Amino acid sequence: MNELRITDTNSANDSRGRAFGLEGDDFIYVLVSFVGALALYLLFAFVFRVGTVAGLSFSLPLFFGVLAWVVIFRHNRPDGYAEDWLDDMVNGEGWSLVSSVQPRPPKKDRHA
């Protein structure tokens, strides 16, 4: 008992898990978009008899759009990053005071 050994562990509430390099539920979004894009391609190819290139041009944006959203706004980002980014793009104010609507401070008399 002379030495106290400290080991790093991940408890259940510290980590949401990882799958294929994506944390938590991010992999589910990519997987569902892949299955949806595949189903859309099969629908266009076999039900509507559309060519391969046309079917892929309709189905691949679904997959790559969701993949880009996950990689840009969710992967290695804090919770709520996408919502905060969108709010900043729409409002542009953030948590700071908007100077255009703030009253001017009263002028102080220098002799008083």
PDB file of N, CA and C in Angstrom:
ATOM      1  N   MET A   1       0.811  -1.194   0.000  1.00  0.00           N
ATOM      2  CA  MET A   1       0.000   0.000   0.000  1.00  0.00           C
ATOM      3  C   MET A   1       0.853   1.256   0.000  1.00  0.00           C
ATOM      4  N   ASN A   2       2.096   1.114  -0.369  1.00  0.00           N
ATOM      5  CA  ASN A   2       2.965   2.284  -0.394  1.00  0.00           C
ATOM      6  C   ASN A   2       2.622   3.212  -1.547  1.00  0.00           C
ATOM      7  N   GLU A   3       2.227   2.645  -2.688  1.00  0.00           N
ATOM      8  CA  GLU A   3       1.921   3.453  -3.859  1.00  0.00           C
ATOM      9  C   GLU A   3       0.440   3.372  -4.188  1.00  0.00           C
ATOM     10  N   LEU A   4      -0.082   4.480  -4.598  1.00  0.00           N
ATOM     11  CA  LEU A   4      -1.454   4.515  -5.053  1.00  0.00           C
ATOM     12  C   LEU A   4      -1.440   4.589  -6.567  1.00  0.00           C
ATOM     13  N   ARG A   5      -1.980   3.580  -7.217  1.00  0.00           N
ATOM     14  CA  ARG A   5      -1.990   3.562  -8.678  1.00  0.00           C
ATOM     15  C   ARG A   5      -3.273   4.198  -9.182  1.00  0.00           C
ATOM     16  N   ILE A   6      -3.112   5.125 -10.123  1.00  0.00           N
ATOM     17  CA  ILE A   6      -4.258   5.808 -10.711  1.00  0.00           C
ATOM     18  C   ILE A   6      -4.335   5.392 -12.173  1.00  0.00           C
ATOM     19  N   THR A   7      -5.483   4.914 -12.576  1.00  0.00           N
ATOM     20  CA  THR A   7      -5.680   4.519 -13.970  1.00  0.00           C
ATOM     21  C   THR A   7      -6.825   5.311 -14.559  1.00  0.00           C
ATOM     22  N   ASP A   8      -6.676   5.691 -15.821  1.00  0.00           N
ATOM     23  CA  ASP A   8      -7.736   6.424 -16.515  1.00  0.00           C
ATOM     24  C   ASP A   8      -8.806   5.452 -16.977  1.00  0.00           C
ATOM     25  N   THR A   9     -10.036   5.763 -16.669  1.00  0.00           N
ATOM     26  CA  THR A   9     -11.155   4.936 -17.117  1.00  0.00           C
ATOM     27  C   THR A   9     -12.233   5.835 -17.695  1.00  0.00           C
ATOM     28  N   ASN A  10     -13.077   5.263 -18.492  1.00  0.00           N
ATOM     29  CA  ASN A  10     -14.242   5.960 -19.016  1.00  0.00           C
ATOM     30  C   ASN A  10     -15.472   5.349 -18.377  1.00  0.00           C
ATOM     31  N   SER A  11     -16.125   6.117 -17.550  1.00  0.00           N
ATOM     32  CA  SER A  11     -17.353   5.604 -16.968  1.00  0.00           C
ATOM     33  C   SER A  11     -18.482   5.759 -17.976  1.00  0.00           C
ATOM     34  N   ALA A  12     -19.599   5.171 -17.689  1.00  0.00           N
ATOM     35  CA  ALA A  12     -20.713   5.170 -18.646  1.00  0.00           C
ATOM     36  C   ALA A  12     -21.225   6.575 -18.932  1.00  0.00           C
ATOM     37  N   ASN A  13     -21.138   7.472 -17.983  1.00  0.00           N
ATOM     38  CA  ASN A  13     -21.670   8.809 -18.224  1.00  0.00           C
ATOM     39  C   ASN A  13     -20.637   9.744 -18.856  1.00  0.00           C
ATOM     40  N   ASP A  14     -19.370   9.338 -18.956  1.00  0.00           N
ATOM     41  CA  ASP A  14     -18.343  10.166 -19.580  1.00  0.00           C
ATOM     42  C   ASP A  14     -18.279   9.987 -21.087  1.00  0.00           C
ATOM     43  N   SER A  15     -18.558   8.802 -21.569  1.00  0.00           N
ATOM     44  CA  SER A  15     -18.393   8.512 -22.983  1.00  0.00           C
ATOM     45  C   SER A  15     -19.698   7.983 -23.559  1.00  0.00           C
ATOM     46  N   ARG A  16     -20.028   8.447 -24.762  1.00  0.00           N
ATOM     47  CA  ARG A  16     -21.241   7.979 -25.427  1.00  0.00           C
ATOM     48  C   ARG A  16     -20.937   6.830 -26.369  1.00  0.00           C
ATOM     49  N   GLY A  17     -19.686   6.375 -26.428  1.00  0.00           N
ATOM     50  CA  GLY A  17     -19.309   5.279 -27.303  1.00  0.00           C
ATOM     51  C   GLY A  17     -18.880   5.777 -28.667  1.00  0.00           C
ATOM     52  N   ARG A  18     -18.211   4.903 -29.405  1.00  0.00           N
ATOM     53  CA  ARG A  18     -17.725   5.251 -30.735  1.00  0.00           C
ATOM     54  C   ARG A  18     -17.997   4.103 -31.688  1.00  0.00           C
ATOM     55  N   ALA A  19     -18.294   4.455 -32.935  1.00  0.00           N
ATOM     56  CA  ALA A  19     -18.453   3.465 -34.001  1.00  0.00           C
ATOM     57  C   ALA A  19     -17.913   4.079 -35.286  1.00  0.00           C
ATOM     58  N   PHE A  20     -16.922   3.458 -35.859  1.00  0.00           N
ATOM     59  CA  PHE A  20     -16.287   3.915 -37.103  1.00  0.00           C
ATOM     60  C   PHE A  20     -15.799   5.352 -37.001  1.00  0.00           C
ATOM     61  N   GLY A  21     -15.268   5.719 -35.831  1.00  0.00           N
ATOM     62  CA  GLY A  21     -14.703   7.047 -35.635  1.00  0.00           C
ATOM     63  C   GLY A  21     -15.708   8.120 -35.303  1.00  0.00           C
ATOM     64  N   LEU A  22     -16.980   7.797 -35.266  1.00  0.00           N
ATOM     65  CA  LEU A  22     -18.023   8.775 -34.946  1.00  0.00           C
ATOM     66  C   LEU A  22     -18.550   8.502 -33.546  1.00  0.00           C
ATOM     67  N   GLU A  23     -18.712   9.557 -32.751  1.00  0.00           N
ATOM     68  CA  GLU A  23     -19.152   9.397 -31.370  1.00  0.00           C
ATOM     69  C   GLU A  23     -20.660   9.327 -31.250  1.00  0.00           C
ATOM     70  N   GLY A  24     -21.111   8.546 -30.304  1.00  0.00           N
ATOM     71  CA  GLY A  24     -22.521   8.514 -29.930  1.00  0.00           C
ATOM     72  C   GLY A  24     -23.465   8.173 -31.055  1.00  0.00           C
ATOM     73  N   ASP A  25     -24.474   9.013 -31.228  1.00  0.00           N
ATOM     74  CA  ASP A  25     -25.523   8.767 -32.212  1.00  0.00           C
ATOM     75  C   ASP A  25     -25.159   9.219 -33.616  1.00  0.00           C
ATOM     76  N   ASP A  26     -23.985   9.790 -33.809  1.00  0.00           N
ATOM     77  CA  ASP A  26     -23.609  10.306 -35.130  1.00  0.00           C
ATOM     78  C   ASP A  26     -23.569   9.198 -36.179  1.00  0.00           C
ATOM     79  N   PHE A  27     -23.149   8.011 -35.775  1.00  0.00           N
ATOM     80  CA  PHE A  27     -23.097   6.896 -36.718  1.00  0.00           C
ATOM     81  C   PHE A  27     -24.494   6.502 -37.183  1.00  0.00           C
ATOM     82  N   ILE A  28     -25.473   6.623 -36.303  1.00  0.00           N
ATOM     83  CA  ILE A  28     -26.851   6.259 -36.655  1.00  0.00           C
ATOM     84  C   ILE A  28     -27.373   7.165 -37.768  1.00  0.00           C
ATOM     85  N   TYR A  29     -27.080   8.469 -37.697  1.00  0.00           N
ATOM     86  CA  TYR A  29     -27.519   9.390 -38.750  1.00  0.00           C
ATOM     87  C   TYR A  29     -26.937   8.996 -40.101  1.00  0.00           C
ATOM     88  N   VAL A  30     -25.644   8.666 -40.110  1.00  0.00           N
ATOM     89  CA  VAL A  30     -24.984   8.288 -41.364  1.00  0.00           C
ATOM     90  C   VAL A  30     -25.541   6.968 -41.879  1.00  0.00           C
ATOM     91  N   LEU A  31     -25.751   6.004 -40.987  1.00  0.00           N
ATOM     92  CA  LEU A  31     -26.283   4.705 -41.394  1.00  0.00           C
ATOM     93  C   LEU A  31     -27.699   4.831 -41.950  1.00  0.00           C
ATOM     94  N   VAL A  32     -28.542   5.604 -41.304  1.00  0.00           N
ATOM     95  CA  VAL A  32     -29.923   5.777 -41.782  1.00  0.00           C
ATOM     96  C   VAL A  32     -29.929   6.500 -43.130  1.00  0.00           C
ATOM     97  N   SER A  33     -29.058   7.488 -43.302  1.00  0.00           N
ATOM     98  CA  SER A  33     -29.009   8.178 -44.597  1.00  0.00           C
ATOM     99  C   SER A  33     -28.486   7.264 -45.696  1.00  0.00           C
ATOM    100  N   PHE A  34     -27.556   6.373 -45.360  1.00  0.00           N
ATOM    101  CA  PHE A  34     -27.076   5.411 -46.358  1.00  0.00           C
ATOM    102  C   PHE A  34     -28.183   4.460 -46.783  1.00  0.00           C
ATOM    103  N   VAL A  35     -28.921   3.945 -45.809  1.00  0.00           N
ATOM    104  CA  VAL A  35     -30.027   3.028 -46.121  1.00  0.00           C
ATOM    105  C   VAL A  35     -31.114   3.765 -46.909  1.00  0.00           C
ATOM    106  N   GLY A  36     -31.397   5.011 -46.533  1.00  0.00           N
ATOM    107  CA  GLY A  36     -32.387   5.800 -47.271  1.00  0.00           C
ATOM    108  C   GLY A  36     -31.949   6.083 -48.701  1.00  0.00           C
ATOM    109  N   ALA A  37     -30.661   6.409 -48.890  1.00  0.00           N
ATOM    110  CA  ALA A  37     -30.144   6.661 -50.232  1.00  0.00           C
ATOM    111  C   ALA A  37     -30.173   5.391 -51.070  1.00  0.00           C
ATOM    112  N   LEU A  38     -29.848   4.260 -50.457  1.00  0.00           N
ATOM    113  CA  LEU A  38     -29.899   2.980 -51.170  1.00  0.00           C
ATOM    114  C   LEU A  38     -31.329   2.638 -51.566  1.00  0.00           C
ATOM    115  N   ALA A  39     -32.275   2.854 -50.664  1.00  0.00           N
ATOM    116  CA  ALA A  39     -33.686   2.584 -50.975  1.00  0.00           C
ATOM    117  C   ALA A  39     -34.184   3.523 -52.069  1.00  0.00           C
ATOM    118  N   LEU A  40     -33.774   4.777 -52.023  1.00  0.00           N
ATOM    119  CA  LEU A  40     -34.177   5.725 -53.057  1.00  0.00           C
ATOM    120  C   LEU A  40     -33.602   5.337 -54.417  1.00  0.00           C
ATOM    121  N   TYR A  41     -32.344   4.888 -54.426  1.00  0.00           N
ATOM    122  CA  TYR A  41     -31.737   4.444 -55.685  1.00  0.00           C
ATOM    123  C   TYR A  41     -32.469   3.220 -56.235  1.00  0.00           C
ATOM    124  N   LEU A  42     -32.762   2.256 -55.370  1.00  0.00           N
ATOM    125  CA  LEU A  42     -33.478   1.062 -55.827  1.00  0.00           C
ATOM    126  C   LEU A  42     -34.875   1.408 -56.321  1.00  0.00           C
ATOM    127  N   LEU A  43     -35.515   2.365 -55.676  1.00  0.00           N
ATOM    128  CA  LEU A  43     -36.833   2.806 -56.133  1.00  0.00           C
ATOM    129  C   LEU A  43     -36.746   3.410 -57.529  1.00  0.00           C
ATOM    130  N   PHE A  44     -35.760   4.287 -57.744  1.00  0.00           N
ATOM    131  CA  PHE A  44     -35.605   4.903 -59.059  1.00  0.00           C
ATOM    132  C   PHE A  44     -35.176   3.891 -60.108  1.00  0.00           C
ATOM    133  N   ALA A  45     -34.282   2.977 -59.738  1.00  0.00           N
ATOM    134  CA  ALA A  45     -33.724   2.049 -60.724  1.00  0.00           C
ATOM    135  C   ALA A  45     -34.711   0.957 -61.133  1.00  0.00           C
ATOM    136  N   PHE A  46     -35.422   0.399 -60.174  1.00  0.00           N
ATOM    137  CA  PHE A  46     -36.242  -0.773 -60.494  1.00  0.00           C
ATOM    138  C   PHE A  46     -37.737  -0.494 -60.597  1.00  0.00           C
ATOM    139  N   VAL A  47     -38.217   0.520 -59.921  1.00  0.00           N
ATOM    140  CA  VAL A  47     -39.644   0.821 -60.006  1.00  0.00           C
ATOM    141  C   VAL A  47     -39.911   1.813 -61.134  1.00  0.00           C
ATOM    142  N   PHE A  48     -39.130   2.897 -61.164  1.00  0.00           N
ATOM    143  CA  PHE A  48     -39.340   3.926 -62.183  1.00  0.00           C
ATOM    144  C   PHE A  48     -38.508   3.702 -63.442  1.00  0.00           C
ATOM    145  N   ARG A  49     -37.634   2.702 -63.441  1.00  0.00           N
ATOM    146  CA  ARG A  49     -36.788   2.354 -64.597  1.00  0.00           C
ATOM    147  C   ARG A  49     -35.948   3.544 -65.083  1.00  0.00           C
ATOM    148  N   VAL A  50     -35.368   4.249 -64.139  1.00  0.00           N
ATOM    149  CA  VAL A  50     -34.484   5.373 -64.449  1.00  0.00           C
ATOM    150  C   VAL A  50     -33.065   4.825 -64.558  1.00  0.00           C
ATOM    151  N   GLY A  51     -32.227   5.439 -65.357  1.00  0.00           N
ATOM    152  CA  GLY A  51     -30.858   4.986 -65.538  1.00  0.00           C
ATOM    153  C   GLY A  51     -30.030   5.086 -64.269  1.00  0.00           C
ATOM    154  N   THR A  52     -28.870   4.454 -64.307  1.00  0.00           N
ATOM    155  CA  THR A  52     -28.005   4.402 -63.143  1.00  0.00           C
ATOM    156  C   THR A  52     -27.527   5.791 -62.729  1.00  0.00           C
ATOM    157  N   VAL A  53     -27.076   6.571 -63.683  1.00  0.00           N
ATOM    158  CA  VAL A  53     -26.548   7.904 -63.364  1.00  0.00           C
ATOM    159  C   VAL A  53     -27.645   8.798 -62.800  1.00  0.00           C
ATOM    160  N   ALA A  54     -28.818   8.756 -63.388  1.00  0.00           N
ATOM    161  CA  ALA A  54     -29.922   9.571 -62.892  1.00  0.00           C
ATOM    162  C   ALA A  54     -30.365   9.112 -61.502  1.00  0.00           C
ATOM    163  N   GLY A  55     -30.411   7.808 -61.285  1.00  0.00           N
ATOM    164  CA  GLY A  55     -30.780   7.292 -59.958  1.00  0.00           C
ATOM    165  C   GLY A  55     -29.770   7.685 -58.893  1.00  0.00           C
ATOM    166  N   LEU A  56     -28.479   7.619 -59.243  1.00  0.00           N
ATOM    167  CA  LEU A  56     -27.444   8.031 -58.294  1.00  0.00           C
ATOM    168  C   LEU A  56     -27.470   9.536 -58.053  1.00  0.00           C
ATOM    169  N   SER A  57     -27.789  10.297 -59.084  1.00  0.00           N
ATOM    170  CA  SER A  57     -27.820  11.748 -58.906  1.00  0.00           C
ATOM    171  C   SER A  57     -28.964  12.185 -57.989  1.00  0.00           C
ATOM    172  N   PHE A  58     -30.011  11.384 -57.875  1.00  0.00           N
ATOM    173  CA  PHE A  58     -31.091  11.692 -56.953  1.00  0.00           C
ATOM    174  C   PHE A  58     -30.837  11.153 -55.552  1.00  0.00           C
ATOM    175  N   SER A  59     -30.130  10.031 -55.434  1.00  0.00           N
ATOM    176  CA  SER A  59     -29.981   9.389 -54.126  1.00  0.00           C
ATOM    177  C   SER A  59     -28.709   9.787 -53.377  1.00  0.00           C
ATOM    178  N   LEU A  60     -27.620  10.065 -54.073  1.00  0.00           N
ATOM    179  CA  LEU A  60     -26.371  10.381 -53.385  1.00  0.00           C
ATOM    180  C   LEU A  60     -26.386  11.702 -52.617  1.00  0.00           C
ATOM    181  N   PRO A  61     -27.076  12.749 -53.078  1.00  0.00           N
ATOM    182  CA  PRO A  61     -27.120  13.966 -52.251  1.00  0.00           C
ATOM    183  C   PRO A  61     -27.733  13.744 -50.869  1.00  0.00           C
ATOM    184  N   LEU A  62     -28.662  12.819 -50.753  1.00  0.00           N
ATOM    185  CA  LEU A  62     -29.222  12.492 -49.442  1.00  0.00           C
ATOM    186  C   LEU A  62     -28.138  11.975 -48.510  1.00  0.00           C
ATOM    187  N   PHE A  63     -27.334  11.035 -48.989  1.00  0.00           N
ATOM    188  CA  PHE A  63     -26.282  10.457 -48.164  1.00  0.00           C
ATOM    189  C   PHE A  63     -25.179  11.466 -47.869  1.00  0.00           C
ATOM    190  N   PHE A  64     -24.676  12.140 -48.897  1.00  0.00           N
ATOM    191  CA  PHE A  64     -23.561  13.056 -48.699  1.00  0.00           C
ATOM    192  C   PHE A  64     -23.974  14.311 -47.938  1.00  0.00           C
ATOM    193  N   GLY A  65     -25.218  14.714 -48.033  1.00  0.00           N
ATOM    194  CA  GLY A  65     -25.696  15.852 -47.250  1.00  0.00           C
ATOM    195  C   GLY A  65     -25.676  15.563 -45.761  1.00  0.00           C
ATOM    196  N   VAL A  66     -26.191  14.407 -45.377  1.00  0.00           N
ATOM    197  CA  VAL A  66     -26.193  14.023 -43.966  1.00  0.00           C
ATOM    198  C   VAL A  66     -24.768  13.766 -43.489  1.00  0.00           C
ATOM    199  N   LEU A  67     -23.940  13.127 -44.311  1.00  0.00           N
ATOM    200  CA  LEU A  67     -22.549  12.879 -43.937  1.00  0.00           C
ATOM    201  C   LEU A  67     -21.800  14.188 -43.722  1.00  0.00           C
ATOM    202  N   ALA A  68     -22.001  15.163 -44.594  1.00  0.00           N
ATOM    203  CA  ALA A  68     -21.345  16.465 -44.437  1.00  0.00           C
ATOM    204  C   ALA A  68     -21.836  17.162 -43.178  1.00  0.00           C
ATOM    205  N   TRP A  69     -23.137  17.083 -42.886  1.00  0.00           N
ATOM    206  CA  TRP A  69     -23.675  17.692 -41.678  1.00  0.00           C
ATOM    207  C   TRP A  69     -23.050  17.074 -40.431  1.00  0.00           C
ATOM    208  N   VAL A  70     -22.915  15.752 -40.410  1.00  0.00           N
ATOM    209  CA  VAL A  70     -22.328  15.076 -39.250  1.00  0.00           C
ATOM    210  C   VAL A  70     -20.861  15.454 -39.098  1.00  0.00           C
ATOM    211  N   VAL A  71     -20.107  15.444 -40.193  1.00  0.00           N
ATOM    212  CA  VAL A  71     -18.671  15.724 -40.098  1.00  0.00           C
ATOM    213  C   VAL A  71     -18.420  17.196 -39.754  1.00  0.00           C
ATOM    214  N   ILE A  72     -19.184  18.108 -40.329  1.00  0.00           N
ATOM    215  CA  ILE A  72     -18.936  19.535 -40.109  1.00  0.00           C
ATOM    216  C   ILE A  72     -19.498  20.016 -38.779  1.00  0.00           C
ATOM    217  N   PHE A  73     -20.703  19.606 -38.420  1.00  0.00           N
ATOM    218  CA  PHE A  73     -21.375  20.182 -37.268  1.00  0.00           C
ATOM    219  C   PHE A  73     -21.455  19.293 -36.036  1.00  0.00           C
ATOM    220  N   ARG A  74     -21.138  18.010 -36.128  1.00  0.00           N
ATOM    221  CA  ARG A  74     -21.296  17.144 -34.963  1.00  0.00           C
ATOM    222  C   ARG A  74     -20.022  16.435 -34.537  1.00  0.00           C
ATOM    223  N   HIS A  75     -19.163  16.078 -35.477  1.00  0.00           N
ATOM    224  CA  HIS A  75     -17.969  15.300 -35.154  1.00  0.00           C
ATOM    225  C   HIS A  75     -16.948  16.163 -34.412  1.00  0.00           C
ATOM    226  N   ASN A  76     -16.572  15.738 -33.211  1.00  0.00           N
ATOM    227  CA  ASN A  76     -15.619  16.442 -32.341  1.00  0.00           C
ATOM    228  C   ASN A  76     -16.072  17.858 -31.995  1.00  0.00           C
ATOM    229  N   ARG A  77     -17.352  18.064 -31.881  1.00  0.00           N
ATOM    230  CA  ARG A  77     -17.902  19.361 -31.503  1.00  0.00           C
ATOM    231  C   ARG A  77     -18.693  19.200 -30.208  1.00  0.00           C
ATOM    232  N   PRO A  78     -18.829  20.271 -29.427  1.00  0.00           N
ATOM    233  CA  PRO A  78     -19.636  20.168 -28.204  1.00  0.00           C
ATOM    234  C   PRO A  78     -21.128  20.044 -28.530  1.00  0.00           C
ATOM    235  N   ASP A  79     -21.886  19.602 -27.553  1.00  0.00           N
ATOM    236  CA  ASP A  79     -23.332  19.470 -27.732  1.00  0.00           C
ATOM    237  C   ASP A  79     -23.946  20.824 -28.055  1.00  0.00           C
ATOM    238  N   GLY A  80     -24.848  20.869 -29.010  1.00  0.00           N
ATOM    239  CA  GLY A  80     -25.533  22.089 -29.380  1.00  0.00           C
ATOM    240  C   GLY A  80     -24.744  22.995 -30.304  1.00  0.00           C
ATOM    241  N   TYR A  81     -23.636  22.521 -30.869  1.00  0.00           N
ATOM    242  CA  TYR A  81     -22.808  23.364 -31.731  1.00  0.00           C
ATOM    243  C   TYR A  81     -23.562  23.788 -32.986  1.00  0.00           C
ATOM    244  N   ALA A  82     -24.266  22.858 -33.614  1.00  0.00           N
ATOM    245  CA  ALA A  82     -24.992  23.177 -34.850  1.00  0.00           C
ATOM    246  C   ALA A  82     -26.073  24.222 -34.599  1.00  0.00           C
ATOM    247  N   GLU A  83     -26.796  24.092 -33.491  1.00  0.00           N
ATOM    248  CA  GLU A  83     -27.844  25.050 -33.174  1.00  0.00           C
ATOM    249  C   GLU A  83     -27.249  26.425 -32.875  1.00  0.00           C
ATOM    250  N   ASP A  84     -26.133  26.454 -32.132  1.00  0.00           N
ATOM    251  CA  ASP A  84     -25.496  27.732 -31.828  1.00  0.00           C
ATOM    252  C   ASP A  84     -24.940  28.384 -33.086  1.00  0.00           C
ATOM    253  N   TRP A  85     -24.373  27.594 -33.984  1.00  0.00           N
ATOM    254  CA  TRP A  85     -23.824  28.136 -35.225  1.00  0.00           C
ATOM    255  C   TRP A  85     -24.942  28.740 -36.077  1.00  0.00           C
ATOM    256  N   LEU A  86     -26.058  28.010 -36.193  1.00  0.00           N
ATOM    257  CA  LEU A  86     -27.185  28.514 -36.975  1.00  0.00           C
ATOM    258  C   LEU A  86     -27.758  29.782 -36.347  1.00  0.00           C
ATOM    259  N   ASP A  87     -27.876  29.809 -35.034  1.00  0.00           N
ATOM    260  CA  ASP A  87     -28.373  30.991 -34.348  1.00  0.00           C
ATOM    261  C   ASP A  87     -27.433  32.177 -34.560  1.00  0.00           C
ATOM    262  N   ASP A  88     -26.135  31.938 -34.558  1.00  0.00           N
ATOM    263  CA  ASP A  88     -25.173  33.006 -34.795  1.00  0.00           C
ATOM    264  C   ASP A  88     -25.262  33.514 -36.232  1.00  0.00           C
ATOM    265  N   MET A  89     -25.517  32.615 -37.185  1.00  0.00           N
ATOM    266  CA  MET A  89     -25.643  33.054 -38.572  1.00  0.00           C
ATOM    267  C   MET A  89     -26.925  33.853 -38.792  1.00  0.00           C
ATOM    268  N   VAL A  90     -28.006  33.507 -38.087  1.00  0.00           N
ATOM    269  CA  VAL A  90     -29.282  34.193 -38.260  1.00  0.00           C
ATOM    270  C   VAL A  90     -29.285  35.520 -37.501  1.00  0.00           C
ATOM    271  N   ASN A  91     -28.887  35.491 -36.241  1.00  0.00           N
ATOM    272  CA  ASN A  91     -28.943  36.692 -35.405  1.00  0.00           C
ATOM    273  C   ASN A  91     -27.663  37.517 -35.482  1.00  0.00           C
ATOM    274  N   GLY A  92     -26.532  36.858 -35.431  1.00  0.00           N
ATOM    275  CA  GLY A  92     -25.255  37.535 -35.486  1.00  0.00           C
ATOM    276  C   GLY A  92     -24.852  38.248 -34.217  1.00  0.00           C
ATOM    277  N   GLU A  93     -25.631  38.129 -33.158  1.00  0.00           N
ATOM    278  CA  GLU A  93     -25.338  38.857 -31.934  1.00  0.00           C
ATOM    279  C   GLU A  93     -24.600  38.006 -30.925  1.00  0.00           C
ATOM    280  N   GLY A  94     -24.965  36.750 -30.838  1.00  0.00           N
ATOM    281  CA  GLY A  94     -24.384  35.912 -29.806  1.00  0.00           C
ATOM    282  C   GLY A  94     -24.842  36.361 -28.432  1.00  0.00           C
ATOM    283  N   TRP A  95     -23.954  36.296 -27.466  1.00  0.00           N
ATOM    284  CA  TRP A  95     -24.294  36.666 -26.090  1.00  0.00           C
ATOM    285  C   TRP A  95     -23.932  38.117 -25.783  1.00  0.00           C
ATOM    286  N   SER A  96     -23.380  38.821 -26.746  1.00  0.00           N
ATOM    287  CA  SER A  96     -22.973  40.198 -26.491  1.00  0.00           C
ATOM    288  C   SER A  96     -24.165  41.148 -26.640  1.00  0.00           C
ATOM    289  N   LEU A  97     -23.983  42.340 -26.118  1.00  0.00           N
ATOM    290  CA  LEU A  97     -25.031  43.353 -26.242  1.00  0.00           C
ATOM    291  C   LEU A  97     -24.992  43.944 -27.641  1.00  0.00           C
ATOM    292  N   VAL A  98     -26.147  44.205 -28.191  1.00  0.00           N
ATOM    293  CA  VAL A  98     -26.231  44.805 -29.511  1.00  0.00           C
ATOM    294  C   VAL A  98     -26.060  46.308 -29.335  1.00  0.00           C
ATOM    295  N   SER A  99     -24.989  46.834 -29.888  1.00  0.00           N
ATOM    296  CA  SER A  99     -24.675  48.234 -29.636  1.00  0.00           C
ATOM    297  C   SER A  99     -25.688  49.179 -30.270  1.00  0.00           C
ATOM    298  N   SER A 100     -26.366  48.771 -31.319  1.00  0.00           N
ATOM    299  CA  SER A 100     -27.300  49.677 -31.999  1.00  0.00           C
ATOM    300  C   SER A 100     -28.560  49.942 -31.182  1.00  0.00           C
ATOM    301  N   VAL A 101     -28.911  49.080 -30.245  1.00  0.00           N
ATOM    302  CA  VAL A 101     -30.124  49.287 -29.455  1.00  0.00           C
ATOM    303  C   VAL A 101     -29.832  49.688 -28.018  1.00  0.00           C
ATOM    304  N   GLN A 102     -28.563  49.865 -27.666  1.00  0.00           N
ATOM    305  CA  GLN A 102     -28.205  50.264 -26.313  1.00  0.00           C
ATOM    306  C   GLN A 102     -28.264  51.791 -26.190  1.00  0.00           C
ATOM    307  N   PRO A 103     -28.789  52.299 -25.097  1.00  0.00           N
ATOM    308  CA  PRO A 103     -28.832  53.758 -24.922  1.00  0.00           C
ATOM    309  C   PRO A 103     -27.421  54.296 -24.684  1.00  0.00           C
ATOM    310  N   ARG A 104     -27.214  55.517 -25.105  1.00  0.00           N
ATOM    311  CA  ARG A 104     -25.921  56.167 -24.878  1.00  0.00           C
ATOM    312  C   ARG A 104     -25.818  56.544 -23.400  1.00  0.00           C
ATOM    313  N   PRO A 105     -24.626  56.430 -22.849  1.00  0.00           N
ATOM    314  CA  PRO A 105     -24.477  56.836 -21.444  1.00  0.00           C
ATOM    315  C   PRO A 105     -24.637  58.349 -21.307  1.00  0.00           C
ATOM    316  N   PRO A 106     -25.177  58.803 -20.184  1.00  0.00           N
ATOM    317  CA  PRO A 106     -25.354  60.255 -20.010  1.00  0.00           C
ATOM    318  C   PRO A 106     -23.994  60.941 -19.938  1.00  0.00           C
ATOM    319  N   LYS A 107     -23.950  62.133 -20.483  1.00  0.00           N
ATOM    320  CA  LYS A 107     -22.705  62.902 -20.450  1.00  0.00           C
ATOM    321  C   LYS A 107     -22.493  63.456 -19.045  1.00  0.00           C
ATOM    322  N   LYS A 108     -21.295  63.304 -18.581  1.00  0.00           N
ATOM    323  CA  LYS A 108     -20.965  63.797 -17.248  1.00  0.00           C
ATOM    324  C   LYS A 108     -20.391  65.206 -17.368  1.00  0.00           C
ATOM    325  N   ASP A 109     -20.773  66.004 -16.422  1.00  0.00           N
ATOM    326  CA  ASP A 109     -20.251  67.361 -16.388  1.00  0.00           C
ATOM    327  C   ASP A 109     -18.859  67.314 -15.778  1.00  0.00           C
ATOM    328  N   ARG A 110     -17.861  67.851 -16.478  1.00  0.00           N
ATOM    329  CA  ARG A 110     -16.480  67.777 -16.006  1.00  0.00           C
ATOM    330  C   ARG A 110     -16.228  68.677 -14.794  1.00  0.00           C
ATOM    331  N   HIS A 111     -17.006  69.668 -14.592  1.00  0.00           N
ATOM    332  CA  HIS A 111     -16.749  70.624 -13.496  1.00  0.00           C
ATOM    333  C   HIS A 111     -17.436  70.222 -12.205  1.00  0.00           C
ATOM    334  N   ALA A 112     -18.278  69.245 -12.248  1.00  0.00           N
ATOM    335  CA  ALA A 112     -19.023  68.891 -11.033  1.00  0.00           C
ATOM    336  C   ALA A 112     -18.290  67.936 -10.154  1.00  0.00           C
TER     337      ALA A 112
END
